């Protein structure tokens, strides 16, 4: 019997390939979809348009999860500790508003919980957290070649240099929340 109590969290922490790879390792996650939200463009935006920075969209992932296994708060803590939430519009070499740190909430409860997590996480960082907190607008799935990127390209240079260290950090900080 399918679980009908699944919830969705939408977050952006730089390149969606990294964030997608992190959440695909976590217990209670049913699906992770890379995509775009938070901007304005006539019609469905393309990756090329997003990368221009002119549409205002962020690269994000939508995480469908079972709240009886992992809480929304735990998802946000994993998110906040596997990217740099103190870096404005940048993650590593990726720079621009499309790479901003952002939590998109779907309702008042998610907004409330996100504010609490952001406040509590500030104690972990010396610099101020700049993670944006915004209501979720229209979410667009990214092109097919962006989905499951790490799973399909783990030997690629970017994956080795950028994503592997994030996965190592995930395993170090959140071993109790992982599938393996």
C-alpha atoms as a PDB file:
ATOM      1  CA  UNK A   1       0.000   0.000   0.000  1.00  0.00           C
ATOM      2  CA  UNK A   2       1.413   3.409  -1.010  1.00  0.00           C
ATOM      3  CA  UNK A   3       2.101   6.021   1.644  1.00  0.00           C
ATOM      4  CA  UNK A   4      -0.280   8.927   1.062  1.00  0.00           C
ATOM      5  CA  UNK A   5       1.265  11.066   3.801  1.00  0.00           C
ATOM      6  CA  UNK A   6       4.358  12.024   1.842  1.00  0.00           C
ATOM      7  CA  UNK A   7       5.505  15.644   2.000  1.00  0.00           C
ATOM      8  CA  UNK A   8       7.667  17.816  -0.229  1.00  0.00           C
ATOM      9  CA  UNK A   9      10.608  20.047   0.649  1.00  0.00           C
ATOM     10  CA  UNK A  10      12.151  22.373  -1.943  1.00  0.00           C
ATOM     11  CA  UNK A  11      15.684  23.672  -1.393  1.00  0.00           C
ATOM     12  CA  UNK A  12      18.499  25.195  -3.409  1.00  0.00           C
ATOM     13  CA  UNK A  13      22.114  24.976  -2.325  1.00  0.00           C
ATOM     14  CA  UNK A  14      24.066  25.837  -5.450  1.00  0.00           C
ATOM     15  CA  UNK A  15      24.264  23.297  -8.243  1.00  0.00           C
ATOM     16  CA  UNK A  16      21.280  20.964  -8.084  1.00  0.00           C
ATOM     17  CA  UNK A  17      23.459  17.978  -9.015  1.00  0.00           C
ATOM     18  CA  UNK A  18      25.135  18.227  -5.596  1.00  0.00           C
ATOM     19  CA  UNK A  19      21.957  18.659  -3.582  1.00  0.00           C
ATOM     20  CA  UNK A  20      20.218  15.864  -5.483  1.00  0.00           C
ATOM     21  CA  UNK A  21      23.119  13.451  -4.809  1.00  0.00           C
ATOM     22  CA  UNK A  22      23.030  14.257  -1.081  1.00  0.00           C
ATOM     23  CA  UNK A  23      19.315  13.606  -0.640  1.00  0.00           C
ATOM     24  CA  UNK A  24      19.356  10.420  -2.716  1.00  0.00           C
ATOM     25  CA  UNK A  25      21.430   8.901   0.140  1.00  0.00           C
ATOM     26  CA  UNK A  26      18.959   9.725   2.928  1.00  0.00           C
ATOM     27  CA  UNK A  27      16.446   7.328   4.538  1.00  0.00           C
ATOM     28  CA  UNK A  28      12.819   8.314   4.106  1.00  0.00           C
ATOM     29  CA  UNK A  29      13.380  10.117   0.811  1.00  0.00           C
ATOM     30  CA  UNK A  30      11.115   8.717  -1.889  1.00  0.00           C
ATOM     31  CA  UNK A  31      12.074  10.948  -4.802  1.00  0.00           C
ATOM     32  CA  UNK A  32      14.437  13.818  -5.619  1.00  0.00           C
ATOM     33  CA  UNK A  33      13.801  15.959  -8.690  1.00  0.00           C
ATOM     34  CA  UNK A  34      16.193  18.640  -9.910  1.00  0.00           C
ATOM     35  CA  UNK A  35      14.509  21.775 -11.188  1.00  0.00           C
ATOM     36  CA  UNK A  36      14.022  25.517 -11.133  1.00  0.00           C
ATOM     37  CA  UNK A  37      11.845  27.914  -9.170  1.00  0.00           C
ATOM     38  CA  UNK A  38      11.822  31.419  -7.762  1.00  0.00           C
ATOM     39  CA  UNK A  39      12.062  33.417 -10.954  1.00  0.00           C
ATOM     40  CA  UNK A  40      10.098  34.903 -13.766  1.00  0.00           C
ATOM     41  CA  UNK A  41      10.238  33.840 -17.380  1.00  0.00           C
ATOM     42  CA  UNK A  42       7.617  33.553 -20.078  1.00  0.00           C
ATOM     43  CA  UNK A  43       6.824  29.852 -20.296  1.00  0.00           C
ATOM     44  CA  UNK A  44       9.025  27.001 -19.154  1.00  0.00           C
ATOM     45  CA  UNK A  45      12.610  28.165 -18.528  1.00  0.00           C
ATOM     46  CA  UNK A  46      15.526  26.206 -19.959  1.00  0.00           C
ATOM     47  CA  UNK A  47      18.840  25.419 -18.294  1.00  0.00           C
ATOM     48  CA  UNK A  48      20.560  27.880 -20.615  1.00  0.00           C
ATOM     49  CA  UNK A  49      18.142  30.655 -19.580  1.00  0.00           C
ATOM     50  CA  UNK A  50      18.589  29.826 -15.891  1.00  0.00           C
ATOM     51  CA  UNK A  51      22.383  29.883 -16.232  1.00  0.00           C
ATOM     52  CA  UNK A  52      22.218  33.377 -17.731  1.00  0.00           C
ATOM     53  CA  UNK A  53      20.970  34.615 -14.355  1.00  0.00           C
ATOM     54  CA  UNK A  54      18.390  36.773 -16.124  1.00  0.00           C
ATOM     55  CA  UNK A  55      15.272  34.774 -15.166  1.00  0.00           C
ATOM     56  CA  UNK A  56      15.813  34.972 -11.402  1.00  0.00           C
ATOM     57  CA  UNK A  57      15.263  31.227 -10.965  1.00  0.00           C
ATOM     58  CA  UNK A  58      17.348  29.138  -8.587  1.00  0.00           C
ATOM     59  CA  UNK A  59      18.610  25.634  -9.226  1.00  0.00           C
ATOM     60  CA  UNK A  60      16.712  23.575  -6.637  1.00  0.00           C
ATOM     61  CA  UNK A  61      15.637  20.075  -5.769  1.00  0.00           C
ATOM     62  CA  UNK A  62      12.194  18.932  -4.747  1.00  0.00           C
ATOM     63  CA  UNK A  63      12.492  16.201  -2.162  1.00  0.00           C
ATOM     64  CA  UNK A  64       9.487  13.939  -1.597  1.00  0.00           C
ATOM     65  CA  UNK A  65       9.826  12.385   1.844  1.00  0.00           C
ATOM     66  CA  UNK A  66       8.046  10.280   4.435  1.00  0.00           C
ATOM     67  CA  UNK A  67       7.711  12.401   7.611  1.00  0.00           C
ATOM     68  CA  UNK A  68       7.329   9.241   9.707  1.00  0.00           C
ATOM     69  CA  UNK A  69      10.959   8.384   8.800  1.00  0.00           C
ATOM     70  CA  UNK A  70      12.604  11.806   8.436  1.00  0.00           C
ATOM     71  CA  UNK A  71      11.290  15.176   9.533  1.00  0.00           C
ATOM     72  CA  UNK A  72      11.195  18.381   7.525  1.00  0.00           C
ATOM     73  CA  UNK A  73      13.545  19.843  10.134  1.00  0.00           C
ATOM     74  CA  UNK A  74      16.073  17.028   9.642  1.00  0.00           C
ATOM     75  CA  UNK A  75      15.960  17.570   5.897  1.00  0.00           C
ATOM     76  CA  UNK A  76      16.765  21.243   6.465  1.00  0.00           C
ATOM     77  CA  UNK A  77      19.607  20.413   8.868  1.00  0.00           C
ATOM     78  CA  UNK A  78      21.131  18.039   6.310  1.00  0.00           C
ATOM     79  CA  UNK A  79      20.700  20.729   3.662  1.00  0.00           C
ATOM     80  CA  UNK A  80      22.280  23.429   5.845  1.00  0.00           C
ATOM     81  CA  UNK A  81      25.307  21.284   6.711  1.00  0.00           C
ATOM     82  CA  UNK A  82      26.109  19.979   3.224  1.00  0.00           C
ATOM     83  CA  UNK A  83      26.483  23.340   1.479  1.00  0.00           C
ATOM     84  CA  UNK A  84      27.710  26.791   2.551  1.00  0.00           C
ATOM     85  CA  UNK A  85      24.666  28.784   3.701  1.00  0.00           C
ATOM     86  CA  UNK A  86      26.882  31.817   4.430  1.00  0.00           C
ATOM     87  CA  UNK A  87      27.931  32.365   0.820  1.00  0.00           C
ATOM     88  CA  UNK A  88      25.688  34.808  -1.042  1.00  0.00           C
ATOM     89  CA  UNK A  89      24.784  33.699  -4.570  1.00  0.00           C
ATOM     90  CA  UNK A  90      27.724  31.322  -4.791  1.00  0.00           C
ATOM     91  CA  UNK A  91      28.746  27.759  -4.039  1.00  0.00           C
ATOM     92  CA  UNK A  92      32.387  27.111  -4.814  1.00  0.00           C
ATOM     93  CA  UNK A  93      33.120  28.102  -8.409  1.00  0.00           C
ATOM     94  CA  UNK A  94      29.412  28.413  -9.255  1.00  0.00           C
ATOM     95  CA  UNK A  95      28.411  32.078  -8.948  1.00  0.00           C
ATOM     96  CA  UNK A  96      25.154  33.895  -9.649  1.00  0.00           C
ATOM     97  CA  UNK A  97      21.681  34.184  -8.178  1.00  0.00           C
ATOM     98  CA  UNK A  98      20.746  30.825  -9.717  1.00  0.00           C
ATOM     99  CA  UNK A  99      23.141  29.232  -7.174  1.00  0.00           C
ATOM    100  CA  UNK A 100      21.708  30.968  -4.119  1.00  0.00           C
ATOM    101  CA  UNK A 101      21.057  29.180  -0.850  1.00  0.00           C
ATOM    102  CA  UNK A 102      17.297  29.058  -0.472  1.00  0.00           C
ATOM    103  CA  UNK A 103      14.471  27.222   1.264  1.00  0.00           C
ATOM    104  CA  UNK A 104      11.090  27.410  -0.458  1.00  0.00           C
ATOM    105  CA  UNK A 105       8.197  26.723   1.900  1.00  0.00           C
ATOM    106  CA  UNK A 106       4.812  25.343   0.845  1.00  0.00           C
ATOM    107  CA  UNK A 107       2.761  26.404   3.845  1.00  0.00           C
ATOM    108  CA  UNK A 108       2.847  28.307   7.151  1.00  0.00           C
ATOM    109  CA  UNK A 109       4.043  25.233   9.064  1.00  0.00           C
ATOM    110  CA  UNK A 110       7.063  24.754   6.801  1.00  0.00           C
ATOM    111  CA  UNK A 111       7.868  28.457   7.037  1.00  0.00           C
ATOM    112  CA  UNK A 112       7.720  28.336  10.850  1.00  0.00           C
ATOM    113  CA  UNK A 113       9.914  25.234  11.030  1.00  0.00           C
ATOM    114  CA  UNK A 114      12.403  26.684   8.542  1.00  0.00           C
ATOM    115  CA  UNK A 115      12.758  29.895  10.578  1.00  0.00           C
ATOM    116  CA  UNK A 116      13.509  27.832  13.690  1.00  0.00           C
ATOM    117  CA  UNK A 117      16.114  25.702  11.894  1.00  0.00           C
ATOM    118  CA  UNK A 118      17.769  28.758  10.327  1.00  0.00           C
ATOM    119  CA  UNK A 119      17.969  30.415  13.741  1.00  0.00           C
ATOM    120  CA  UNK A 120      19.382  27.300  15.426  1.00  0.00           C
ATOM    121  CA  UNK A 121      21.885  26.649  12.615  1.00  0.00           C
ATOM    122  CA  UNK A 122      23.385  30.130  12.970  1.00  0.00           C
ATOM    123  CA  UNK A 123      25.267  28.821  16.046  1.00  0.00           C
ATOM    124  CA  UNK A 124      27.135  26.388  13.756  1.00  0.00           C
ATOM    125  CA  UNK A 125      28.551  29.126  11.507  1.00  0.00           C
ATOM    126  CA  UNK A 126      30.843  32.058  12.295  1.00  0.00           C
ATOM    127  CA  UNK A 127      29.552  34.141   9.372  1.00  0.00           C
ATOM    128  CA  UNK A 128      25.873  35.115   9.045  1.00  0.00           C
ATOM    129  CA  UNK A 129      23.608  32.667   7.229  1.00  0.00           C
ATOM    130  CA  UNK A 130      22.306  34.230   4.016  1.00  0.00           C
ATOM    131  CA  UNK A 131      19.878  31.438   3.080  1.00  0.00           C
ATOM    132  CA  UNK A 132      16.758  32.948   1.554  1.00  0.00           C
ATOM    133  CA  UNK A 133      13.380  31.821   2.872  1.00  0.00           C
ATOM    134  CA  UNK A 134      10.583  32.263   0.314  1.00  0.00           C
ATOM    135  CA  UNK A 135       7.181  30.852  -0.590  1.00  0.00           C
ATOM    136  CA  UNK A 136       7.299  28.203  -3.298  1.00  0.00           C
ATOM    137  CA  UNK A 137       6.133  29.395  -6.687  1.00  0.00           C
ATOM    138  CA  UNK A 138       5.960  27.328  -9.850  1.00  0.00           C
ATOM    139  CA  UNK A 139       8.436  24.452  -9.846  1.00  0.00           C
ATOM    140  CA  UNK A 140       9.790  23.318 -13.205  1.00  0.00           C
ATOM    141  CA  UNK A 141      11.536  19.965 -13.594  1.00  0.00           C
ATOM    142  CA  UNK A 142      14.991  20.382 -15.083  1.00  0.00           C
ATOM    143  CA  UNK A 143      15.800  18.686 -18.353  1.00  0.00           C
ATOM    144  CA  UNK A 144      16.062  14.870 -18.263  1.00  0.00           C
ATOM    145  CA  UNK A 145      19.874  14.866 -18.509  1.00  0.00           C
ATOM    146  CA  UNK A 146      20.035  16.721 -15.154  1.00  0.00           C
ATOM    147  CA  UNK A 147      18.027  14.073 -13.289  1.00  0.00           C
ATOM    148  CA  UNK A 148      20.060  11.462 -11.371  1.00  0.00           C
ATOM    149  CA  UNK A 149      23.162  13.269 -12.584  1.00  0.00           C
ATOM    150  CA  UNK A 150      25.590  11.897 -10.011  1.00  0.00           C
ATOM    151  CA  UNK A 151      24.239   8.352 -10.312  1.00  0.00           C
ATOM    152  CA  UNK A 152      24.756   8.497 -14.073  1.00  0.00           C
ATOM    153  CA  UNK A 153      28.058  10.423 -14.105  1.00  0.00           C
ATOM    154  CA  UNK A 154      29.874   9.672 -10.834  1.00  0.00           C
ATOM    155  CA  UNK A 155      33.236   9.256 -12.603  1.00  0.00           C
ATOM    156  CA  UNK A 156      33.017  12.676 -14.252  1.00  0.00           C
ATOM    157  CA  UNK A 157      35.506  15.292 -12.955  1.00  0.00           C
ATOM    158  CA  UNK A 158      32.901  17.634 -11.459  1.00  0.00           C
ATOM    159  CA  UNK A 159      31.354  14.763  -9.533  1.00  0.00           C
ATOM    160  CA  UNK A 160      34.731  13.635  -8.213  1.00  0.00           C
ATOM    161  CA  UNK A 161      35.910  17.097  -7.166  1.00  0.00           C
ATOM    162  CA  UNK A 162      32.683  18.790  -6.028  1.00  0.00           C
ATOM    163  CA  UNK A 163      30.017  16.202  -5.216  1.00  0.00           C
ATOM    164  CA  UNK A 164      32.155  13.488  -3.587  1.00  0.00           C
ATOM    165  CA  UNK A 165      33.323  15.836  -0.787  1.00  0.00           C
ATOM    166  CA  UNK A 166      29.698  16.804  -0.069  1.00  0.00           C
ATOM    167  CA  UNK A 167      28.751  13.134   0.166  1.00  0.00           C
ATOM    168  CA  UNK A 168      31.709  12.511   2.481  1.00  0.00           C
ATOM    169  CA  UNK A 169      30.521  15.368   4.702  1.00  0.00           C
ATOM    170  CA  UNK A 170      26.998  13.931   4.677  1.00  0.00           C
ATOM    171  CA  UNK A 171      28.329  10.525   5.769  1.00  0.00           C
ATOM    172  CA  UNK A 172      30.443  12.101   8.504  1.00  0.00           C
ATOM    173  CA  UNK A 173      27.735  14.360   9.962  1.00  0.00           C
ATOM    174  CA  UNK A 174      24.548  12.370   9.360  1.00  0.00           C
ATOM    175  CA  UNK A 175      25.444   8.665   9.290  1.00  0.00           C
ATOM    176  CA  UNK A 176      22.327   7.810  11.308  1.00  0.00           C
ATOM    177  CA  UNK A 177      20.060   9.243   8.588  1.00  0.00           C
ATOM    178  CA  UNK A 178      21.592   7.392   5.629  1.00  0.00           C
ATOM    179  CA  UNK A 179      20.324   4.448   3.619  1.00  0.00           C
ATOM    180  CA  UNK A 180      23.509   2.420   4.076  1.00  0.00           C
END
